[in-house]
Amino acid sequence: MAKSRPLQGIPTNLSLAQFEQCVWPHLSKGRRAPAPKLTLHVIFNYILRVLYLGCQWKELR
């Protein structure tokens, strides 16, 4: 019987180094908006988590 490889999931939590290398160069930063309370790295990880796990209908309001 052939050995099966362990499943590799979709990355839902990028490290800061991965974010700065792969995502940050493609983002543009607004000049007139107030400073965000969360970093773009944290926001991006939240978006990845919601895309991977989904969310309930009541959370979409």
C-alpha atoms as a PDB file:
ATOM      1  CA  MET A   1       0.000   0.000   0.000  1.00  0.00           C
ATOM      2  CA  ALA A   2       1.372   3.409  -0.926  1.00  0.00           C
ATOM      3  CA  LYS A   3       2.073   5.885   1.816  1.00  0.00           C
ATOM      4  CA  SER A   4      -0.229   8.844   1.761  1.00  0.00           C
ATOM      5  CA  ARG A   5       1.145  12.292   2.267  1.00  0.00           C
ATOM      6  CA  PRO A   6      -0.335  14.362   5.071  1.00  0.00           C
ATOM      7  CA  LEU A   7      -2.906  16.821   3.839  1.00  0.00           C
ATOM      8  CA  GLN A   8      -1.711  20.364   3.629  1.00  0.00           C
ATOM      9  CA  GLY A   9      -4.438  22.838   4.402  1.00  0.00           C
ATOM     10  CA  ILE A  10      -4.913  26.262   2.974  1.00  0.00           C
ATOM     11  CA  PRO A  11      -2.742  28.699   4.935  1.00  0.00           C
ATOM     12  CA  THR A  12      -5.037  30.853   7.046  1.00  0.00           C
ATOM     13  CA  ASN A  13      -2.378  32.544   9.104  1.00  0.00           C
ATOM     14  CA  LEU A  14       0.541  34.126   7.281  1.00  0.00           C
ATOM     15  CA  SER A  15       3.591  35.170   9.218  1.00  0.00           C
ATOM     16  CA  LEU A  16       4.605  38.808   9.094  1.00  0.00           C
ATOM     17  CA  ALA A  17       7.580  37.944   6.866  1.00  0.00           C
ATOM     18  CA  GLN A  18       5.346  36.063   4.398  1.00  0.00           C
ATOM     19  CA  PHE A  19       2.855  38.946   4.379  1.00  0.00           C
ATOM     20  CA  GLU A  20       5.556  41.545   3.736  1.00  0.00           C
ATOM     21  CA  GLN A  21       7.108  39.470   0.966  1.00  0.00           C
ATOM     22  CA  CYS A  22       3.994  38.284  -0.899  1.00  0.00           C
ATOM     23  CA  VAL A  23       1.079  40.613  -0.121  1.00  0.00           C
ATOM     24  CA  TRP A  24       2.379  44.021   0.964  1.00  0.00           C
ATOM     25  CA  PRO A  25       3.900  44.971  -2.434  1.00  0.00           C
ATOM     26  CA  HIS A  26       0.440  44.616  -4.032  1.00  0.00           C
ATOM     27  CA  LEU A  27      -1.385  46.890  -1.580  1.00  0.00           C
ATOM     28  CA  SER A  28      -1.782  50.615  -1.741  1.00  0.00           C
ATOM     29  CA  LYS A  29      -2.112  52.684   1.399  1.00  0.00           C
ATOM     30  CA  GLY A  30      -4.530  55.589   1.621  1.00  0.00           C
ATOM     31  CA  ARG A  31      -3.187  58.955   2.715  1.00  0.00           C
ATOM     32  CA  ARG A  32      -6.262  60.672   4.099  1.00  0.00           C
ATOM     33  CA  ALA A  33      -7.846  57.973   6.253  1.00  0.00           C
ATOM     34  CA  PRO A  34      -7.303  57.796  10.010  1.00  0.00           C
ATOM     35  CA  ALA A  35      -4.750  55.301  11.251  1.00  0.00           C
ATOM     36  CA  PRO A  36      -6.292  51.818  11.562  1.00  0.00           C
ATOM     37  CA  LYS A  37      -6.476  50.150  14.962  1.00  0.00           C
ATOM     38  CA  LEU A  38      -5.398  46.820  13.468  1.00  0.00           C
ATOM     39  CA  THR A  39      -2.436  46.243  11.195  1.00  0.00           C
ATOM     40  CA  LEU A  40      -3.037  45.186   7.600  1.00  0.00           C
ATOM     41  CA  HIS A  41      -1.312  41.899   8.416  1.00  0.00           C
ATOM     42  CA  VAL A  42      -3.925  41.074  11.071  1.00  0.00           C
ATOM     43  CA  ILE A  43      -6.815  42.162   8.851  1.00  0.00           C
ATOM     44  CA  PHE A  44      -5.520  40.013   5.986  1.00  0.00           C
ATOM     45  CA  ASN A  45      -5.298  36.971   8.279  1.00  0.00           C
ATOM     46  CA  TYR A  46      -8.905  37.556   9.429  1.00  0.00           C
ATOM     47  CA  ILE A  47     -10.024  37.685   5.788  1.00  0.00           C
ATOM     48  CA  LEU A  48      -8.203  34.427   5.020  1.00  0.00           C
ATOM     49  CA  ARG A  49      -9.821  32.748   8.017  1.00  0.00           C
ATOM     50  CA  VAL A  50     -13.337  33.825   6.994  1.00  0.00           C
ATOM     51  CA  LEU A  51     -12.760  32.720   3.399  1.00  0.00           C
ATOM     52  CA  TYR A  52     -11.546  29.320   4.582  1.00  0.00           C
ATOM     53  CA  LEU A  53     -14.051  28.660   7.366  1.00  0.00           C
ATOM     54  CA  GLY A  54     -17.006  30.646   6.087  1.00  0.00           C
ATOM     55  CA  CYS A  55     -19.409  32.399   8.391  1.00  0.00           C
ATOM     56  CA  GLN A  56     -23.000  32.075   9.481  1.00  0.00           C
ATOM     57  CA  TRP A  57     -25.801  33.988   7.795  1.00  0.00           C
ATOM     58  CA  LYS A  58     -26.514  36.053  10.893  1.00  0.00           C
ATOM     59  CA  GLU A  59     -22.924  37.366  10.834  1.00  0.00           C
ATOM     60  CA  LEU A  60     -23.381  38.849   7.324  1.00  0.00           C
ATOM     61  CA  ARG A  61     -25.522  41.798   8.369  1.00  0.00           C
END
